[in-house]
Structure formats: structure tokens, C-alpha cells
Amino acid sequence: MGKPLFLLKAYLVFSGCAFFLVTLLHLARVVFQWPIVVGAISVPIWFSWLGLPASVALVGCSFWLVRHLPHPGIGDGPPEAPRSR
């Protein structure tokens, strides 16, 4: 149980950090009024106002899950021995 839980926590920390960077970019775009043009379409600033709370929620969920998942640490007992046939 230890390794899959460790990998899940690592994934959640990585995702939380990535979404935190997205949050900072949304905030910077709103504050500095950075234009974004995709092809011939200009993405309006209000799009970042929608993305800001969404990315904050994803950061919060990621780190909340990391904190509330069981911690494989002291007191869990020895790792399981391989089973013989």
C-alpha cells in the first residue's frame, strides 16, 4: 500500500504546484492586462477572471487531498513479505 499511496501523493503535489503556476499566470494577466491571441481570436480578460477561482479551487483540492490521505509512516508495521506459492 505504501508505494501507490506515495505515487498518488507525489502526483497531487505536482498537480497542485502546476495549478498554482496557472493561478499566478491568470492573476498576472488580469493585473497587467496581458493580451492573448490564438490564431485570429483575441481571448478576453474576463476569461482569466473565470480561470482564477477555478485554478485556486484545484490547488486547494490537491493540497487538501495530500494532507488528508493516510500517511504510510511510523506505526504501520513492516512491509508485507512476498507470498510463496
C-alpha atoms as a PDB file:
ATOM      1  CA  MET A   1       0.000   0.000   0.000  1.00  0.00           C
ATOM      2  CA  GLY A   2       2.924   2.349   0.574  1.00  0.00           C
ATOM      3  CA  LYS A   3       4.218   2.798  -2.972  1.00  0.00           C
ATOM      4  CA  PRO A   4       0.878   3.510  -4.732  1.00  0.00           C
ATOM      5  CA  LEU A   5      -0.035   5.973  -1.977  1.00  0.00           C
ATOM      6  CA  PHE A   6       3.352   7.654  -2.299  1.00  0.00           C
ATOM      7  CA  LEU A   7       2.886   7.948  -6.071  1.00  0.00           C
ATOM      8  CA  LEU A   8      -0.603   9.390  -5.602  1.00  0.00           C
ATOM      9  CA  LYS A   9       0.692  11.979  -3.149  1.00  0.00           C
ATOM     10  CA  ALA A  10       3.562  12.875  -5.489  1.00  0.00           C
ATOM     11  CA  TYR A  11       1.087  13.297  -8.347  1.00  0.00           C
ATOM     12  CA  LEU A  12      -1.162  15.510  -6.210  1.00  0.00           C
ATOM     13  CA  VAL A  13       1.756  17.713  -5.095  1.00  0.00           C
ATOM     14  CA  PHE A  14       2.951  18.069  -8.700  1.00  0.00           C
ATOM     15  CA  SER A  15      -0.592  18.883  -9.874  1.00  0.00           C
ATOM     16  CA  GLY A  16      -1.088  21.393  -7.071  1.00  0.00           C
ATOM     17  CA  CYS A  17       2.151  23.168  -7.976  1.00  0.00           C
ATOM     18  CA  ALA A  18       1.250  23.216 -11.680  1.00  0.00           C
ATOM     19  CA  PHE A  19      -2.196  24.654 -10.931  1.00  0.00           C
ATOM     20  CA  PHE A  20      -0.579  27.205  -8.624  1.00  0.00           C
ATOM     21  CA  LEU A  21       1.549  28.411 -11.552  1.00  0.00           C
ATOM     22  CA  VAL A  22      -1.604  28.626 -13.690  1.00  0.00           C
ATOM     23  CA  THR A  23      -3.233  30.667 -10.907  1.00  0.00           C
ATOM     24  CA  LEU A  24      -0.283  33.066 -10.855  1.00  0.00           C
ATOM     25  CA  LEU A  25      -0.448  33.462 -14.642  1.00  0.00           C
ATOM     26  CA  HIS A  26      -4.188  34.193 -14.547  1.00  0.00           C
ATOM     27  CA  LEU A  27      -3.619  36.757 -11.809  1.00  0.00           C
ATOM     28  CA  ALA A  28      -0.697  38.371 -13.666  1.00  0.00           C
ATOM     29  CA  ARG A  29      -2.767  38.551 -16.857  1.00  0.00           C
ATOM     30  CA  VAL A  30      -5.597  40.309 -15.022  1.00  0.00           C
ATOM     31  CA  VAL A  31      -3.281  42.743 -13.211  1.00  0.00           C
ATOM     32  CA  PHE A  32      -1.012  43.595 -16.168  1.00  0.00           C
ATOM     33  CA  GLN A  33      -3.715  43.273 -18.876  1.00  0.00           C
ATOM     34  CA  TRP A  34      -1.605  40.883 -20.966  1.00  0.00           C
ATOM     35  CA  PRO A  35      -3.188  40.144 -24.322  1.00  0.00           C
ATOM     36  CA  ILE A  36      -3.561  36.572 -25.565  1.00  0.00           C
ATOM     37  CA  VAL A  37      -4.203  35.944 -29.244  1.00  0.00           C
ATOM     38  CA  VAL A  38      -4.803  32.420 -30.542  1.00  0.00           C
ATOM     39  CA  GLY A  39      -4.766  32.463 -34.317  1.00  0.00           C
ATOM     40  CA  ALA A  40      -7.100  35.308 -35.246  1.00  0.00           C
ATOM     41  CA  ILE A  41      -9.047  35.178 -31.964  1.00  0.00           C
ATOM     42  CA  SER A  42      -8.268  37.514 -29.061  1.00  0.00           C
ATOM     43  CA  VAL A  43      -9.005  35.906 -25.681  1.00  0.00           C
ATOM     44  CA  PRO A  44     -10.796  38.436 -23.448  1.00  0.00           C
ATOM     45  CA  ILE A  45      -9.517  39.312 -19.967  1.00  0.00           C
ATOM     46  CA  TRP A  46     -12.745  38.079 -18.338  1.00  0.00           C
ATOM     47  CA  PHE A  47     -11.673  34.568 -19.342  1.00  0.00           C
ATOM     48  CA  SER A  48      -8.848  34.861 -16.791  1.00  0.00           C
ATOM     49  CA  TRP A  49     -11.363  36.057 -14.190  1.00  0.00           C
ATOM     50  CA  LEU A  50     -13.177  32.735 -14.728  1.00  0.00           C
ATOM     51  CA  GLY A  51      -9.954  30.731 -14.675  1.00  0.00           C
ATOM     52  CA  LEU A  52      -8.646  32.323 -11.494  1.00  0.00           C
ATOM     53  CA  PRO A  53     -11.153  30.841  -8.986  1.00  0.00           C
ATOM     54  CA  ALA A  54     -11.200  27.550 -10.878  1.00  0.00           C
ATOM     55  CA  SER A  55      -7.427  27.161 -10.626  1.00  0.00           C
ATOM     56  CA  VAL A  56      -7.449  28.268  -6.958  1.00  0.00           C
ATOM     57  CA  ALA A  57     -10.039  25.558  -6.258  1.00  0.00           C
ATOM     58  CA  LEU A  58      -7.886  22.929  -7.982  1.00  0.00           C
ATOM     59  CA  VAL A  59      -4.832  23.981  -5.943  1.00  0.00           C
ATOM     60  CA  GLY A  60      -6.853  23.795  -2.743  1.00  0.00           C
ATOM     61  CA  CYS A  61      -8.286  20.377  -3.588  1.00  0.00           C
ATOM     62  CA  SER A  62      -4.874  18.970  -4.487  1.00  0.00           C
ATOM     63  CA  PHE A  63      -3.212  20.025  -1.263  1.00  0.00           C
ATOM     64  CA  TRP A  64      -6.264  19.169   0.854  1.00  0.00           C
ATOM     65  CA  LEU A  65      -6.120  15.620  -0.515  1.00  0.00           C
ATOM     66  CA  VAL A  66      -2.376  15.371   0.147  1.00  0.00           C
ATOM     67  CA  ARG A  67      -2.960  16.431   3.741  1.00  0.00           C
ATOM     68  CA  HIS A  68      -5.905  14.111   4.377  1.00  0.00           C
ATOM     69  CA  LEU A  69      -4.689  10.910   2.728  1.00  0.00           C
ATOM     70  CA  PRO A  70      -3.295   8.347   5.160  1.00  0.00           C
ATOM     71  CA  HIS A  71       0.398   8.691   5.847  1.00  0.00           C
ATOM     72  CA  PRO A  72       2.396   5.497   5.485  1.00  0.00           C
ATOM     73  CA  GLY A  73       4.853   6.130   8.282  1.00  0.00           C
ATOM     74  CA  ILE A  74       5.792   5.006  11.761  1.00  0.00           C
ATOM     75  CA  GLY A  75       3.370   2.572  13.315  1.00  0.00           C
ATOM     76  CA  ASP A  76       2.163   0.993  10.096  1.00  0.00           C
ATOM     77  CA  GLY A  77       4.149  -2.155  10.668  1.00  0.00           C
ATOM     78  CA  PRO A  78       6.694  -3.850   8.444  1.00  0.00           C
ATOM     79  CA  PRO A  79       6.135  -4.101   4.710  1.00  0.00           C
ATOM     80  CA  GLU A  80       4.349  -7.201   3.528  1.00  0.00           C
ATOM     81  CA  ALA A  81       6.594 -10.168   2.782  1.00  0.00           C
ATOM     82  CA  PRO A  82       6.353 -11.756  -0.648  1.00  0.00           C
ATOM     83  CA  ARG A  83       3.895 -14.617  -0.718  1.00  0.00           C
ATOM     84  CA  SER A  84       5.115 -18.071  -1.571  1.00  0.00           C
ATOM     85  CA  ARG A  85       3.064 -20.376  -3.736  1.00  0.00           C
END
